[in-house]
N, C-alpha and C. Protein backbone atom coordinates (compact mmCIF):
# COMPACT_ATOMS: atom_id res chain seq x y z
N MET A 1 -11.97 -12.96 0.46
CA MET A 1 -11.70 -11.82 -0.38
C MET A 1 -10.64 -12.18 -1.42
N LYS A 2 -10.85 -11.72 -2.61
CA LYS A 2 -9.89 -11.90 -3.68
C LYS A 2 -8.61 -11.14 -3.36
N ASP A 3 -7.45 -11.69 -3.75
CA ASP A 3 -6.19 -10.98 -3.54
C ASP A 3 -6.23 -9.62 -4.20
N PRO A 4 -5.89 -8.55 -3.46
CA PRO A 4 -6.00 -7.19 -3.97
C PRO A 4 -4.79 -6.74 -4.80
N VAL A 5 -4.40 -7.49 -5.80
CA VAL A 5 -3.28 -7.11 -6.65
C VAL A 5 -3.80 -6.16 -7.72
N TYR A 6 -3.18 -5.02 -7.85
CA TYR A 6 -3.63 -4.02 -8.82
C TYR A 6 -2.94 -4.22 -10.16
N ILE A 7 -1.77 -3.74 -10.31
CA ILE A 7 -1.00 -3.97 -11.54
C ILE A 7 0.33 -4.55 -11.08
N HIS A 8 0.68 -5.71 -11.56
CA HIS A 8 1.87 -6.43 -11.10
C HIS A 8 3.13 -5.58 -11.28
N ASP A 9 3.90 -5.48 -10.19
CA ASP A 9 5.23 -4.89 -10.17
C ASP A 9 5.28 -3.44 -10.65
N ILE A 10 4.26 -2.64 -10.32
CA ILE A 10 4.25 -1.24 -10.73
C ILE A 10 4.08 -0.29 -9.54
N VAL A 11 3.86 -0.83 -8.36
CA VAL A 11 3.61 -0.04 -7.16
C VAL A 11 4.80 0.85 -6.83
N THR A 12 4.51 2.08 -6.42
CA THR A 12 5.57 3.06 -6.12
C THR A 12 6.09 2.97 -4.69
N LEU A 13 5.60 2.05 -3.90
CA LEU A 13 6.00 1.89 -2.50
C LEU A 13 7.47 1.49 -2.39
N SER A 14 8.19 2.18 -1.50
CA SER A 14 9.56 1.76 -1.20
C SER A 14 9.83 1.98 0.28
N LEU A 15 10.73 1.18 0.81
CA LEU A 15 11.06 1.21 2.23
C LEU A 15 12.57 1.14 2.40
N CYS A 16 13.11 2.07 3.17
CA CYS A 16 14.53 2.05 3.52
C CYS A 16 14.63 1.34 4.87
N GLU A 17 14.93 0.06 4.84
CA GLU A 17 14.95 -0.73 6.07
C GLU A 17 15.99 -0.23 7.07
N GLU A 18 17.07 0.38 6.58
CA GLU A 18 18.10 0.91 7.48
C GLU A 18 17.55 2.07 8.32
N SER A 19 16.62 2.85 7.77
CA SER A 19 16.03 3.98 8.49
C SER A 19 14.88 3.58 9.39
N CYS A 20 14.34 2.39 9.20
CA CYS A 20 13.19 1.92 9.98
C CYS A 20 13.57 1.81 11.46
N ASN A 21 12.70 2.36 12.33
CA ASN A 21 12.96 2.27 13.78
C ASN A 21 12.17 1.14 14.44
N GLY A 22 11.41 0.37 13.65
CA GLY A 22 10.69 -0.79 14.17
C GLY A 22 9.46 -0.48 14.99
N CYS A 23 8.90 0.72 14.85
CA CYS A 23 7.73 1.10 15.66
C CYS A 23 6.48 0.31 15.28
N GLY A 24 6.37 -0.14 14.03
CA GLY A 24 5.24 -0.95 13.59
C GLY A 24 4.00 -0.17 13.18
N MET A 25 4.06 1.14 13.17
CA MET A 25 2.89 1.93 12.78
C MET A 25 2.46 1.62 11.35
N CYS A 26 3.40 1.41 10.46
CA CYS A 26 3.06 1.12 9.06
C CYS A 26 2.23 -0.15 8.95
N ILE A 27 2.53 -1.12 9.78
CA ILE A 27 1.80 -2.39 9.77
C ILE A 27 0.40 -2.20 10.33
N LYS A 28 0.27 -1.38 11.35
CA LYS A 28 -1.04 -1.11 11.97
C LYS A 28 -1.99 -0.39 11.02
N VAL A 29 -1.47 0.53 10.20
CA VAL A 29 -2.34 1.35 9.36
C VAL A 29 -2.55 0.79 7.95
N CYS A 30 -1.78 -0.18 7.53
CA CYS A 30 -1.91 -0.72 6.17
C CYS A 30 -3.15 -1.61 6.06
N PRO A 31 -4.10 -1.24 5.20
CA PRO A 31 -5.33 -2.02 5.09
C PRO A 31 -5.17 -3.34 4.34
N HIS A 32 -4.04 -3.56 3.68
CA HIS A 32 -3.86 -4.78 2.88
C HIS A 32 -2.69 -5.64 3.32
N GLU A 33 -2.18 -5.41 4.54
CA GLU A 33 -1.11 -6.23 5.11
C GLU A 33 0.08 -6.36 4.17
N VAL A 34 0.52 -5.24 3.64
CA VAL A 34 1.65 -5.20 2.70
C VAL A 34 2.97 -5.37 3.43
N LEU A 35 3.03 -4.91 4.67
CA LEU A 35 4.27 -4.91 5.44
C LEU A 35 4.18 -5.85 6.63
N GLU A 36 5.34 -6.34 7.05
CA GLU A 36 5.44 -7.17 8.26
C GLU A 36 6.65 -6.72 9.05
N LEU A 37 6.62 -6.97 10.34
CA LEU A 37 7.73 -6.65 11.22
C LEU A 37 8.49 -7.92 11.53
N SER A 38 9.79 -7.88 11.29
CA SER A 38 10.63 -9.03 11.61
C SER A 38 12.04 -8.53 11.87
N GLY A 39 12.66 -9.06 12.90
CA GLY A 39 14.00 -8.61 13.25
C GLY A 39 14.02 -7.14 13.64
N ARG A 40 12.93 -6.66 14.24
CA ARG A 40 12.78 -5.28 14.71
C ARG A 40 12.83 -4.25 13.58
N LYS A 41 12.50 -4.69 12.36
CA LYS A 41 12.42 -3.81 11.20
C LYS A 41 11.20 -4.19 10.37
N ALA A 42 10.63 -3.20 9.69
CA ALA A 42 9.53 -3.47 8.77
C ALA A 42 10.11 -3.99 7.46
N HIS A 43 9.34 -4.85 6.80
CA HIS A 43 9.73 -5.41 5.50
C HIS A 43 8.50 -5.42 4.60
N ILE A 44 8.68 -5.12 3.33
CA ILE A 44 7.60 -5.22 2.36
C ILE A 44 7.49 -6.69 1.97
N VAL A 45 6.32 -7.28 2.19
CA VAL A 45 6.15 -8.70 1.90
C VAL A 45 5.11 -8.96 0.81
N ARG A 46 4.23 -8.01 0.56
CA ARG A 46 3.20 -8.16 -0.49
C ARG A 46 3.07 -6.85 -1.26
N LYS A 47 4.11 -6.47 -1.94
CA LYS A 47 4.16 -5.16 -2.61
C LYS A 47 3.00 -4.96 -3.58
N ASP A 48 2.64 -5.97 -4.33
CA ASP A 48 1.57 -5.85 -5.32
C ASP A 48 0.19 -5.68 -4.69
N TYR A 49 0.06 -5.91 -3.37
CA TYR A 49 -1.21 -5.70 -2.68
C TYR A 49 -1.40 -4.23 -2.30
N CYS A 50 -0.36 -3.42 -2.43
CA CYS A 50 -0.41 -2.02 -2.03
C CYS A 50 -1.35 -1.23 -2.93
N MET A 51 -2.30 -0.49 -2.31
CA MET A 51 -3.21 0.35 -3.07
C MET A 51 -2.74 1.80 -3.08
N GLU A 52 -1.55 2.01 -2.55
CA GLU A 52 -0.90 3.32 -2.54
C GLU A 52 -1.75 4.39 -1.88
N CYS A 53 -2.39 4.04 -0.77
CA CYS A 53 -3.20 5.02 -0.02
C CYS A 53 -2.33 6.03 0.70
N GLY A 54 -1.08 5.65 1.01
CA GLY A 54 -0.15 6.56 1.65
C GLY A 54 -0.17 6.53 3.17
N ALA A 55 -1.04 5.72 3.76
CA ALA A 55 -1.15 5.68 5.23
C ALA A 55 0.17 5.28 5.89
N CYS A 56 0.88 4.34 5.31
CA CYS A 56 2.14 3.88 5.91
C CYS A 56 3.17 5.01 5.94
N ALA A 57 3.32 5.71 4.83
CA ALA A 57 4.30 6.80 4.75
C ALA A 57 3.91 7.95 5.68
N LEU A 58 2.62 8.27 5.74
CA LEU A 58 2.16 9.36 6.61
C LEU A 58 2.39 9.06 8.09
N ASN A 59 2.39 7.78 8.45
CA ASN A 59 2.54 7.38 9.84
C ASN A 59 3.94 6.89 10.18
N CYS A 60 4.89 7.03 9.28
CA CYS A 60 6.27 6.59 9.52
C CYS A 60 7.07 7.76 10.07
N ALA A 61 7.28 7.77 11.39
CA ALA A 61 8.02 8.85 12.04
C ALA A 61 9.48 8.89 11.59
N ALA A 62 10.01 7.75 11.17
CA ALA A 62 11.41 7.69 10.73
C ALA A 62 11.59 8.15 9.29
N GLY A 63 10.49 8.31 8.56
CA GLY A 63 10.59 8.71 7.16
C GLY A 63 11.19 7.64 6.27
N ALA A 64 11.02 6.39 6.68
CA ALA A 64 11.62 5.27 5.95
C ALA A 64 10.79 4.79 4.77
N ILE A 65 9.55 5.26 4.65
CA ILE A 65 8.64 4.79 3.61
C ILE A 65 8.27 5.93 2.67
N THR A 66 8.31 5.63 1.38
CA THR A 66 7.82 6.58 0.39
C THR A 66 6.84 5.86 -0.53
N VAL A 67 5.83 6.60 -0.98
CA VAL A 67 4.83 6.06 -1.90
C VAL A 67 4.14 7.25 -2.56
N LYS A 68 3.84 7.11 -3.83
CA LYS A 68 3.08 8.14 -4.53
C LYS A 68 1.61 7.85 -4.29
N SER A 69 1.08 8.49 -3.28
CA SER A 69 -0.29 8.24 -2.82
C SER A 69 -1.31 8.47 -3.91
N GLY A 70 -2.26 7.52 -4.01
CA GLY A 70 -3.37 7.64 -4.94
C GLY A 70 -3.20 6.91 -6.24
N VAL A 71 -2.00 6.55 -6.62
CA VAL A 71 -1.76 5.90 -7.90
C VAL A 71 -2.46 4.55 -7.99
N GLY A 72 -2.43 3.75 -6.93
CA GLY A 72 -3.05 2.43 -6.95
C GLY A 72 -4.56 2.50 -7.09
N CYS A 73 -5.18 3.41 -6.35
CA CYS A 73 -6.63 3.58 -6.46
C CYS A 73 -7.00 4.01 -7.87
N ALA A 74 -6.23 4.92 -8.43
CA ALA A 74 -6.50 5.39 -9.79
C ALA A 74 -6.42 4.23 -10.78
N SER A 75 -5.44 3.37 -10.62
CA SER A 75 -5.30 2.21 -11.51
C SER A 75 -6.50 1.28 -11.39
N GLY A 76 -6.94 1.04 -10.14
CA GLY A 76 -8.11 0.18 -9.93
C GLY A 76 -9.36 0.75 -10.55
N ILE A 77 -9.54 2.03 -10.42
CA ILE A 77 -10.72 2.69 -10.99
C ILE A 77 -10.68 2.64 -12.51
N ILE A 78 -9.53 2.95 -13.09
CA ILE A 78 -9.39 2.92 -14.56
C ILE A 78 -9.60 1.51 -15.08
N ASN A 79 -9.01 0.50 -14.43
CA ASN A 79 -9.19 -0.89 -14.87
C ASN A 79 -10.66 -1.30 -14.80
N GLY A 80 -11.35 -0.90 -13.75
CA GLY A 80 -12.77 -1.22 -13.63
C GLY A 80 -13.59 -0.60 -14.75
N LEU A 81 -13.28 0.64 -15.08
CA LEU A 81 -13.99 1.30 -16.17
C LEU A 81 -13.70 0.64 -17.52
N LEU A 82 -12.44 0.27 -17.74
CA LEU A 82 -12.07 -0.38 -18.99
C LEU A 82 -12.71 -1.75 -19.15
N ARG A 83 -12.94 -2.43 -18.03
CA ARG A 83 -13.53 -3.78 -18.06
C ARG A 83 -15.06 -3.74 -17.93
N ASN A 84 -15.64 -2.56 -17.89
CA ASN A 84 -17.08 -2.40 -17.69
C ASN A 84 -17.57 -3.08 -16.42
N SER A 85 -16.70 -3.16 -15.42
CA SER A 85 -17.10 -3.77 -14.15
C SER A 85 -17.32 -2.72 -13.08
N GLY A 86 -17.23 -1.46 -13.45
CA GLY A 86 -17.42 -0.37 -12.50
C GLY A 86 -16.12 0.00 -11.84
N PRO A 87 -15.99 1.24 -11.43
CA PRO A 87 -14.77 1.67 -10.78
C PRO A 87 -14.63 1.05 -9.41
N GLU A 88 -13.57 0.31 -9.18
CA GLU A 88 -13.35 -0.37 -7.91
C GLU A 88 -11.87 -0.38 -7.57
N CYS A 89 -11.55 0.20 -6.43
CA CYS A 89 -10.15 0.20 -6.01
C CYS A 89 -9.88 -0.81 -4.90
N GLY A 90 -10.93 -1.47 -4.41
CA GLY A 90 -10.73 -2.54 -3.42
C GLY A 90 -10.54 -2.08 -2.00
N CYS A 91 -10.71 -0.80 -1.74
CA CYS A 91 -10.46 -0.33 -0.38
C CYS A 91 -11.73 -0.18 0.43
N SER A 92 -12.87 -0.48 -0.12
CA SER A 92 -14.16 -0.45 0.59
C SER A 92 -14.42 0.87 1.29
N GLY A 93 -13.95 1.95 0.71
CA GLY A 93 -14.20 3.27 1.26
C GLY A 93 -13.25 3.71 2.35
N THR A 94 -12.42 2.82 2.87
CA THR A 94 -11.47 3.16 3.91
C THR A 94 -10.18 3.68 3.28
N ASN A 95 -9.77 4.86 3.65
CA ASN A 95 -8.55 5.48 3.12
C ASN A 95 -8.58 5.59 1.61
N CYS A 96 -9.76 5.68 1.04
CA CYS A 96 -9.89 5.73 -0.41
C CYS A 96 -9.76 7.15 -0.93
N CYS A 97 -9.24 7.26 -2.13
CA CYS A 97 -9.10 8.58 -2.73
C CYS A 97 -10.44 9.09 -3.23
């Protein structure tokens, strides 16, 4: 699979590592492996891979993650239309807007 980078350095995802309780739910629900667990805390390791589906934030009991859900999919769809390649957000229908 091609790397799912949408628009470089524009993703709205943010993580407050101090608030993270290390449960790992964000890692389990992220379809693009944007986060990793290390040192009993989650860390953003592939921010540009984020499609901003919002699954990580919705499943973060500590409230350590924020993201403007849907923005990444919208960007992928708009880019596909502009390139005449069809609307494609790269999520294969899973957690897609």
